[in-house]
All heavy atoms as atom14 arrays in JSON, in Angstrom:
{
  "sequence": "SIFCGGIDTIVNAEHIRIWGSDNQPLLQFIHFTFALGGV",
  "atom14_mask": [
    [1, 1, 1, 1, 1, 1, 0, 0, 0, 0, 0, 0, 0, 0],
    [1, 1, 1, 1, 1, 1, 1, 1, 0, 0, 0, 0, 0, 0],
    [1, 1, 1, 1, 1, 1, 1, 1, 1, 1, 1, 0, 0, 0],
    [1, 1, 1, 1, 1, 1, 0, 0, 0, 0, 0, 0, 0, 0],
    [1, 1, 1, 1, 0, 0, 0, 0, 0, 0, 0, 0, 0, 0],
    [1, 1, 1, 1, 0, 0, 0, 0, 0, 0, 0, 0, 0, 0],
    [1, 1, 1, 1, 1, 1, 1, 1, 0, 0, 0, 0, 0, 0],
    [1, 1, 1, 1, 1, 1, 1, 1, 0, 0, 0, 0, 0, 0],
    [1, 1, 1, 1, 1, 1, 1, 0, 0, 0, 0, 0, 0, 0],
    [1, 1, 1, 1, 1, 1, 1, 1, 0, 0, 0, 0, 0, 0],
    [1, 1, 1, 1, 1, 1, 1, 0, 0, 0, 0, 0, 0, 0],
    [1, 1, 1, 1, 1, 1, 1, 1, 0, 0, 0, 0, 0, 0],
    [1, 1, 1, 1, 1, 0, 0, 0, 0, 0, 0, 0, 0, 0],
    [1, 1, 1, 1, 1, 1, 1, 1, 1, 0, 0, 0, 0, 0],
    [1, 1, 1, 1, 1, 1, 1, 1, 1, 1, 0, 0, 0, 0],
    [1, 1, 1, 1, 1, 1, 1, 1, 0, 0, 0, 0, 0, 0],
    [1, 1, 1, 1, 1, 1, 1, 1, 1, 1, 1, 0, 0, 0],
    [1, 1, 1, 1, 1, 1, 1, 1, 0, 0, 0, 0, 0, 0],
    [1, 1, 1, 1, 1, 1, 1, 1, 1, 1, 1, 1, 1, 1],
    [1, 1, 1, 1, 0, 0, 0, 0, 0, 0, 0, 0, 0, 0],
    [1, 1, 1, 1, 1, 1, 0, 0, 0, 0, 0, 0, 0, 0],
    [1, 1, 1, 1, 1, 1, 1, 1, 0, 0, 0, 0, 0, 0],
    [1, 1, 1, 1, 1, 1, 1, 1, 0, 0, 0, 0, 0, 0],
    [1, 1, 1, 1, 1, 1, 1, 1, 1, 0, 0, 0, 0, 0],
    [1, 1, 1, 1, 1, 1, 1, 0, 0, 0, 0, 0, 0, 0],
    [1, 1, 1, 1, 1, 1, 1, 1, 0, 0, 0, 0, 0, 0],
    [1, 1, 1, 1, 1, 1, 1, 1, 0, 0, 0, 0, 0, 0],
    [1, 1, 1, 1, 1, 1, 1, 1, 1, 0, 0, 0, 0, 0],
    [1, 1, 1, 1, 1, 1, 1, 1, 1, 1, 1, 0, 0, 0],
    [1, 1, 1, 1, 1, 1, 1, 1, 0, 0, 0, 0, 0, 0],
    [1, 1, 1, 1, 1, 1, 1, 1, 1, 1, 0, 0, 0, 0],
    [1, 1, 1, 1, 1, 1, 1, 1, 1, 1, 1, 0, 0, 0],
    [1, 1, 1, 1, 1, 1, 1, 0, 0, 0, 0, 0, 0, 0],
    [1, 1, 1, 1, 1, 1, 1, 1, 1, 1, 1, 0, 0, 0],
    [1, 1, 1, 1, 1, 0, 0, 0, 0, 0, 0, 0, 0, 0],
    [1, 1, 1, 1, 1, 1, 1, 1, 0, 0, 0, 0, 0, 0],
    [1, 1, 1, 1, 0, 0, 0, 0, 0, 0, 0, 0, 0, 0],
    [1, 1, 1, 1, 0, 0, 0, 0, 0, 0, 0, 0, 0, 0],
    [1, 1, 1, 1, 1, 1, 1, 0, 0, 0, 0, 0, 0, 0]
  ],
  "atom14_positions": [
    [[0.8, -1.18, 0.02], [0.01, 0.02, 0.04], [0.9, 1.27, 0.01], [0.43, 2.29, -0.52], [-0.91, -0.01, 1.25], [-1.85, -1.11, 1.15], [0.0, 0.0, 0.0], [0.0, 0.0, 0.0], [0.0, 0.0, 0.0], [0.0, 0.0, 0.0], [0.0, 0.0, 0.0], [0.0, 0.0, 0.0], [0.0, 0.0, 0.0], [0.0, 0.0, 0.0]],
    [[2.06, 1.2, 0.57], [2.96, 2.38, 0.56], [3.35, 2.65, -0.85], [3.24, 3.84, -1.39], [4.2, 2.07, 1.37], [3.92, 2.16, 2.88], [5.31, 3.09, 1.01], [5.04, 1.92, 3.84], [0.0, 0.0, 0.0], [0.0, 0.0, 0.0], [0.0, 0.0, 0.0], [0.0, 0.0, 0.0], [0.0, 0.0, 0.0], [0.0, 0.0, 0.0]],
    [[3.66, 1.6, -1.65], [4.01, 1.83, -3.01], [2.8, 2.3, -3.88], [2.97, 3.26, -4.7], [4.53, 0.5, -3.67], [5.9, 0.1, -3.15], [6.02, -1.11, -2.46], [6.99, 0.91, -3.29], [7.23, -1.54, -2.03], [8.21, 0.53, -2.85], [8.39, -0.68, -2.14], [0.0, 0.0, 0.0], [0.0, 0.0, 0.0], [0.0, 0.0, 0.0]],
    [[1.66, 1.76, -3.57], [0.39, 2.2, -4.35], [0.12, 3.71, -4.01], [-0.42, 4.36, -4.88], [-0.77, 1.27, -4.03], [-0.55, -0.41, -4.6], [0.0, 0.0, 0.0], [0.0, 0.0, 0.0], [0.0, 0.0, 0.0], [0.0, 0.0, 0.0], [0.0, 0.0, 0.0], [0.0, 0.0, 0.0], [0.0, 0.0, 0.0], [0.0, 0.0, 0.0]],
    [[0.24, 4.06, -2.71], [0.02, 5.38, -2.37], [0.86, 6.35, -3.07], [0.46, 7.48, -3.42], [0.0, 0.0, 0.0], [0.0, 0.0, 0.0], [0.0, 0.0, 0.0], [0.0, 0.0, 0.0], [0.0, 0.0, 0.0], [0.0, 0.0, 0.0], [0.0, 0.0, 0.0], [0.0, 0.0, 0.0], [0.0, 0.0, 0.0], [0.0, 0.0, 0.0]],
    [[2.14, 5.97, -3.31], [3.11, 6.78, -4.04], [2.66, 6.95, -5.46], [2.73, 8.07, -6.11], [0.0, 0.0, 0.0], [0.0, 0.0, 0.0], [0.0, 0.0, 0.0], [0.0, 0.0, 0.0], [0.0, 0.0, 0.0], [0.0, 0.0, 0.0], [0.0, 0.0, 0.0], [0.0, 0.0, 0.0], [0.0, 0.0, 0.0], [0.0, 0.0, 0.0]],
    [[2.15, 5.88, -6.07], [1.68, 5.95, -7.49], [0.53, 6.93, -7.58], [0.47, 7.83, -8.48], [1.24, 4.57, -7.95], [2.48, 3.62, -8.05], [0.57, 4.7, -9.37], [2.14, 2.15, -8.41], [0.0, 0.0, 0.0], [0.0, 0.0, 0.0], [0.0, 0.0, 0.0], [0.0, 0.0, 0.0], [0.0, 0.0, 0.0], [0.0, 0.0, 0.0]],
    [[-0.52, 6.77, -6.71], [-1.67, 7.64, -6.75], [-1.42, 9.1, -6.63], [-1.8, 9.95, -7.38], [-2.64, 7.22, -5.67], [-3.35, 5.89, -6.0], [-3.32, 5.56, -7.13], [-3.88, 5.32, -5.09], [0.0, 0.0, 0.0], [0.0, 0.0, 0.0], [0.0, 0.0, 0.0], [0.0, 0.0, 0.0], [0.0, 0.0, 0.0], [0.0, 0.0, 0.0]],
    [[-0.42, 9.42, -5.7], [-0.15, 10.85, -5.4], [0.65, 11.55, -6.59], [0.29, 12.56, -7.01], [0.67, 10.92, -4.09], [-0.02, 10.33, -3.0], [1.0, 12.33, -3.74], [0.0, 0.0, 0.0], [0.0, 0.0, 0.0], [0.0, 0.0, 0.0], [0.0, 0.0, 0.0], [0.0, 0.0, 0.0], [0.0, 0.0, 0.0], [0.0, 0.0, 0.0]],
    [[1.72, 10.87, -7.0], [2.58, 11.47, -7.97], [1.86, 11.6, -9.32], [2.0, 12.56, -10.04], [3.85, 10.69, -8.1], [4.65, 10.66, -6.84], [4.77, 11.28, -9.26], [4.97, 12.09, -6.39], [0.0, 0.0, 0.0], [0.0, 0.0, 0.0], [0.0, 0.0, 0.0], [0.0, 0.0, 0.0], [0.0, 0.0, 0.0], [0.0, 0.0, 0.0]],
    [[1.07, 10.57, -9.69], [0.36, 10.62, -10.98], [-0.54, 11.85, -11.06], [-0.5, 12.57, -12.12], [-0.36, 9.34, -11.18], [-1.4, 9.54, -12.27], [0.55, 8.18, -11.61], [0.0, 0.0, 0.0], [0.0, 0.0, 0.0], [0.0, 0.0, 0.0], [0.0, 0.0, 0.0], [0.0, 0.0, 0.0], [0.0, 0.0, 0.0], [0.0, 0.0, 0.0]],
    [[-1.3, 12.08, -10.12], [-2.23, 13.16, -10.13], [-1.52, 14.52, -10.03], [-1.89, 15.44, -10.9], [-3.27, 13.06, -8.96], [-4.24, 11.97, -9.18], [-5.16, 12.04, -9.97], [-4.1, 10.85, -8.43], [0.0, 0.0, 0.0], [0.0, 0.0, 0.0], [0.0, 0.0, 0.0], [0.0, 0.0, 0.0], [0.0, 0.0, 0.0], [0.0, 0.0, 0.0]],
    [[-0.63, 14.7, -9.17], [0.05, 15.98, -9.07], [0.87, 16.31, -10.32], [0.88, 17.4, -10.8], [1.0, 15.94, -7.82], [0.0, 0.0, 0.0], [0.0, 0.0, 0.0], [0.0, 0.0, 0.0], [0.0, 0.0, 0.0], [0.0, 0.0, 0.0], [0.0, 0.0, 0.0], [0.0, 0.0, 0.0], [0.0, 0.0, 0.0], [0.0, 0.0, 0.0]],
    [[1.59, 15.28, -10.85], [2.42, 15.57, -12.03], [1.58, 15.82, -13.31], [2.0, 16.64, -14.06], [3.38, 14.33, -12.25], [4.65, 14.46, -11.55], [5.41, 15.66, -11.82], [5.95, 15.77, -12.94], [5.47, 16.58, -11.0], [0.0, 0.0, 0.0], [0.0, 0.0, 0.0], [0.0, 0.0, 0.0], [0.0, 0.0, 0.0], [0.0, 0.0, 0.0]],
    [[0.46, 15.15, -13.37], [-0.29, 15.36, -14.52], [-0.87, 16.78, -14.63], [-0.75, 17.42, -15.63], [-1.52, 14.44, -14.55], [-2.51, 14.63, -15.64], [-2.34, 14.08, -16.93], [-3.6, 15.35, -15.72], [-3.29, 14.51, -17.72], [-4.1, 15.24, -17.02], [0.0, 0.0, 0.0], [0.0, 0.0, 0.0], [0.0, 0.0, 0.0], [0.0, 0.0, 0.0]],
    [[-1.33, 17.27, -13.46], [-1.87, 18.67, -13.47], [-0.75, 19.67, -13.65], [-0.93, 20.65, -14.32], [-2.62, 18.94, -12.13], [-3.88, 18.08, -12.17], [-2.93, 20.36, -12.02], [-4.72, 18.2, -10.88], [0.0, 0.0, 0.0], [0.0, 0.0, 0.0], [0.0, 0.0, 0.0], [0.0, 0.0, 0.0], [0.0, 0.0, 0.0], [0.0, 0.0, 0.0]],
    [[0.48, 19.37, -13.11], [1.59, 20.28, -13.31], [2.04, 20.41, -14.72], [2.28, 21.45, -15.29], [2.83, 19.77, -12.46], [4.0, 20.71, -12.53], [5.25, 20.1, -11.92], [5.71, 18.9, -12.66], [6.47, 19.03, -13.79], [6.85, 20.22, -14.21], [6.87, 17.93, -14.39], [0.0, 0.0, 0.0], [0.0, 0.0, 0.0], [0.0, 0.0, 0.0]],
    [[2.01, 19.27, -15.45], [2.35, 19.19, -16.89], [1.39, 19.92, -17.83], [1.8, 20.68, -18.64], [2.68, 17.77, -17.28], [3.86, 17.09, -16.57], [2.89, 17.65, -18.83], [4.04, 15.67, -16.77], [0.0, 0.0, 0.0], [0.0, 0.0, 0.0], [0.0, 0.0, 0.0], [0.0, 0.0, 0.0], [0.0, 0.0, 0.0], [0.0, 0.0, 0.0]],
    [[0.09, 19.63, -17.62], [-0.83, 19.99, -18.6], [-1.69, 21.21, -18.19], [-2.33, 21.8, -19.01], [-1.87, 18.85, -18.77], [-1.16, 17.67, -19.4], [-0.9, 16.4, -18.78], [-0.67, 17.54, -20.76], [-0.2, 15.66, -19.7], [-0.14, 16.26, -20.94], [-0.72, 18.39, -21.86], [0.45, 15.77, -22.08], [-0.08, 17.93, -23.05], [0.53, 16.64, -23.14]],
    [[-1.57, 21.64, -16.94], [-2.28, 22.81, -16.47], [-3.69, 22.86, -16.79], [-4.38, 21.95, -16.43], [0.0, 0.0, 0.0], [0.0, 0.0, 0.0], [0.0, 0.0, 0.0], [0.0, 0.0, 0.0], [0.0, 0.0, 0.0], [0.0, 0.0, 0.0], [0.0, 0.0, 0.0], [0.0, 0.0, 0.0], [0.0, 0.0, 0.0], [0.0, 0.0, 0.0]],
    [[-4.16, 23.98, -17.44], [-5.6, 24.08, -17.59], [-6.11, 23.1, -18.63], [-7.37, 22.94, -18.71], [-5.88, 25.58, -18.09], [-5.25, 25.82, -19.36], [0.0, 0.0, 0.0], [0.0, 0.0, 0.0], [0.0, 0.0, 0.0], [0.0, 0.0, 0.0], [0.0, 0.0, 0.0], [0.0, 0.0, 0.0], [0.0, 0.0, 0.0], [0.0, 0.0, 0.0]],
    [[-5.33, 22.43, -19.35], [-5.83, 21.48, -20.33], [-5.81, 20.04, -19.79], [-5.8, 19.04, -20.51], [-4.89, 21.42, -21.57], [-4.89, 22.77, -22.27], [-5.99, 23.43, -22.31], [-3.88, 23.17, -22.82], [0.0, 0.0, 0.0], [0.0, 0.0, 0.0], [0.0, 0.0, 0.0], [0.0, 0.0, 0.0], [0.0, 0.0, 0.0], [0.0, 0.0, 0.0]],
    [[-5.87, 19.95, -18.46], [-5.73, 18.65, -17.81], [-6.95, 17.72, -17.86], [-6.78, 16.44, -17.66], [-5.27, 18.88, -16.34], [-6.43, 19.41, -15.44], [-7.39, 18.65, -15.11], [-6.28, 20.65, -15.09], [0.0, 0.0, 0.0], [0.0, 0.0, 0.0], [0.0, 0.0, 0.0], [0.0, 0.0, 0.0], [0.0, 0.0, 0.0], [0.0, 0.0, 0.0]],
    [[-8.12, 18.25, -17.97], [-9.34, 17.47, -17.73], [-9.5, 16.24, -18.65], [-9.55, 15.09, -18.12], [-10.58, 18.37, -17.85], [-11.02, 18.97, -16.62], [-11.4, 17.93, -15.57], [-12.27, 17.13, -15.73], [-10.64, 17.96, -14.43], [0.0, 0.0, 0.0], [0.0, 0.0, 0.0], [0.0, 0.0, 0.0], [0.0, 0.0, 0.0], [0.0, 0.0, 0.0]],
    [[-9.5, 16.31, -19.93], [-9.6, 15.09, -20.78], [-8.56, 14.05, -20.54], [-8.9, 12.84, -20.42], [-9.56, 15.65, -22.2], [-9.96, 17.02, -22.15], [-9.4, 17.51, -20.87], [0.0, 0.0, 0.0], [0.0, 0.0, 0.0], [0.0, 0.0, 0.0], [0.0, 0.0, 0.0], [0.0, 0.0, 0.0], [0.0, 0.0, 0.0], [0.0, 0.0, 0.0]],
    [[-7.3, 14.56, -20.35], [-6.2, 13.57, -20.15], [-6.24, 13.01, -18.75], [-5.85, 11.87, -18.54], [-4.89, 14.27, -20.39], [-4.66, 14.64, -21.87], [-3.39, 15.57, -22.06], [-4.53, 13.46, -22.79], [0.0, 0.0, 0.0], [0.0, 0.0, 0.0], [0.0, 0.0, 0.0], [0.0, 0.0, 0.0], [0.0, 0.0, 0.0], [0.0, 0.0, 0.0]],
    [[-6.66, 13.8, -17.72], [-6.84, 13.24, -16.45], [-7.96, 12.18, -16.34], [-7.82, 11.13, -15.69], [-7.17, 14.38, -15.44], [-7.14, 14.05, -13.98], [-5.79, 13.51, -13.47], [-7.54, 15.28, -13.16], [0.0, 0.0, 0.0], [0.0, 0.0, 0.0], [0.0, 0.0, 0.0], [0.0, 0.0, 0.0], [0.0, 0.0, 0.0], [0.0, 0.0, 0.0]],
    [[-9.01, 12.4, -17.13], [-10.07, 11.44, -17.17], [-9.51, 10.11, -17.86], [-9.88, 9.04, -17.54], [-11.27, 11.92, -18.01], [-12.0, 12.98, -17.28], [-12.89, 12.55, -16.15], [-13.05, 11.41, -16.0], [-13.41, 13.43, -15.39], [0.0, 0.0, 0.0], [0.0, 0.0, 0.0], [0.0, 0.0, 0.0], [0.0, 0.0, 0.0], [0.0, 0.0, 0.0]],
    [[-8.61, 10.32, -18.87], [-8.09, 9.15, -19.55], [-7.23, 8.36, -18.62], [-7.22, 7.12, -18.57], [-7.24, 9.58, -20.73], [-6.53, 8.49, -21.49], [-7.26, 7.68, -22.31], [-5.23, 8.22, -21.27], [-6.68, 6.63, -23.0], [-4.57, 7.13, -21.99], [-5.29, 6.36, -22.79], [0.0, 0.0, 0.0], [0.0, 0.0, 0.0], [0.0, 0.0, 0.0]],
    [[-6.37, 9.03, -17.78], [-5.59, 8.29, -16.77], [-6.48, 7.45, -15.83], [-6.16, 6.31, -15.52], [-4.67, 9.28, -15.95], [-3.5, 9.75, -16.8], [-4.25, 8.7, -14.67], [-2.63, 10.7, -16.1], [0.0, 0.0, 0.0], [0.0, 0.0, 0.0], [0.0, 0.0, 0.0], [0.0, 0.0, 0.0], [0.0, 0.0, 0.0], [0.0, 0.0, 0.0]],
    [[-7.57, 8.01, -15.41], [-8.39, 7.34, -14.45], [-9.28, 6.32, -15.19], [-9.7, 5.37, -14.59], [-9.29, 8.3, -13.69], [-8.6, 9.12, -12.65], [-8.39, 8.66, -11.33], [-7.84, 10.2, -12.73], [-7.67, 9.46, -10.68], [-7.36, 10.51, -11.47], [0.0, 0.0, 0.0], [0.0, 0.0, 0.0], [0.0, 0.0, 0.0], [0.0, 0.0, 0.0]],
    [[-9.42, 6.47, -16.49], [-10.06, 5.41, -17.27], [-9.12, 4.13, -17.26], [-9.67, 2.99, -17.22], [-10.26, 5.79, -18.76], [-10.43, 4.74, -19.75], [-11.59, 3.91, -19.68], [-9.42, 4.42, -20.63], [-11.66, 2.9, -20.63], [-9.5, 3.45, -21.54], [-10.71, 2.64, -21.52], [0.0, 0.0, 0.0], [0.0, 0.0, 0.0], [0.0, 0.0, 0.0]],
    [[-7.83, 4.31, -17.44], [-7.0, 3.18, -17.39], [-6.98, 2.48, -16.07], [-6.85, 1.14, -15.97], [-5.51, 3.58, -17.74], [-5.04, 4.45, -16.77], [-5.48, 4.17, -19.13], [0.0, 0.0, 0.0], [0.0, 0.0, 0.0], [0.0, 0.0, 0.0], [0.0, 0.0, 0.0], [0.0, 0.0, 0.0], [0.0, 0.0, 0.0], [0.0, 0.0, 0.0]],
    [[-7.18, 3.16, -15.05], [-7.41, 2.58, -13.71], [-8.6, 1.62, -13.64], [-8.59, 0.56, -13.13], [-7.49, 3.63, -12.6], [-7.98, 3.18, -11.27], [-7.05, 2.47, -10.43], [-9.3, 3.34, -10.89], [-7.46, 2.02, -9.21], [-9.68, 2.94, -9.7], [-8.84, 2.23, -8.83], [0.0, 0.0, 0.0], [0.0, 0.0, 0.0], [0.0, 0.0, 0.0]],
    [[-9.7, 2.21, -14.18], [-10.91, 1.37, -14.25], [-10.79, 0.16, -15.17], [-11.33, -0.91, -14.84], [-12.05, 2.22, -14.71], [0.0, 0.0, 0.0], [0.0, 0.0, 0.0], [0.0, 0.0, 0.0], [0.0, 0.0, 0.0], [0.0, 0.0, 0.0], [0.0, 0.0, 0.0], [0.0, 0.0, 0.0], [0.0, 0.0, 0.0], [0.0, 0.0, 0.0]],
    [[-9.98, 0.34, -16.26], [-9.8, -0.74, -17.1], [-9.01, -1.98, -16.43], [-9.32, -3.13, -16.56], [-8.86, -0.3, -18.36], [-8.63, -1.37, -19.38], [-9.95, -1.88, -20.05], [-7.74, -0.74, -20.52], [0.0, 0.0, 0.0], [0.0, 0.0, 0.0], [0.0, 0.0, 0.0], [0.0, 0.0, 0.0], [0.0, 0.0, 0.0], [0.0, 0.0, 0.0]],
    [[-8.08, -1.56, -15.58], [-7.41, -2.59, -14.69], [-8.4, -3.3, -13.8], [-8.28, -4.5, -13.61], [0.0, 0.0, 0.0], [0.0, 0.0, 0.0], [0.0, 0.0, 0.0], [0.0, 0.0, 0.0], [0.0, 0.0, 0.0], [0.0, 0.0, 0.0], [0.0, 0.0, 0.0], [0.0, 0.0, 0.0], [0.0, 0.0, 0.0], [0.0, 0.0, 0.0]],
    [[-9.36, -2.51, -13.22], [-10.45, -3.14, -12.42], [-11.28, -4.17, -13.22], [-11.79, -5.13, -12.64], [0.0, 0.0, 0.0], [0.0, 0.0, 0.0], [0.0, 0.0, 0.0], [0.0, 0.0, 0.0], [0.0, 0.0, 0.0], [0.0, 0.0, 0.0], [0.0, 0.0, 0.0], [0.0, 0.0, 0.0], [0.0, 0.0, 0.0], [0.0, 0.0, 0.0]],
    [[-11.51, -3.87, -14.53], [-12.29, -4.79, -15.35], [-11.51, -6.04, -15.5], [-12.06, -7.2, -15.45], [-12.71, -4.13, -16.66], [-13.32, -5.17, -17.63], [-13.57, -2.98, -16.48], [0.0, 0.0, 0.0], [0.0, 0.0, 0.0], [0.0, 0.0, 0.0], [0.0, 0.0, 0.0], [0.0, 0.0, 0.0], [0.0, 0.0, 0.0], [0.0, 0.0, 0.0]]
  ]
}
């Protein structure tokens, strides 16, 4: 869970830092891949 917590935190923070105001569609895409893993 320590490793998984690291993945969750850095992915979200870095994504918004990189893409700024254009983050929404790509952020939804990242979380779509999470759901795909759940399938």
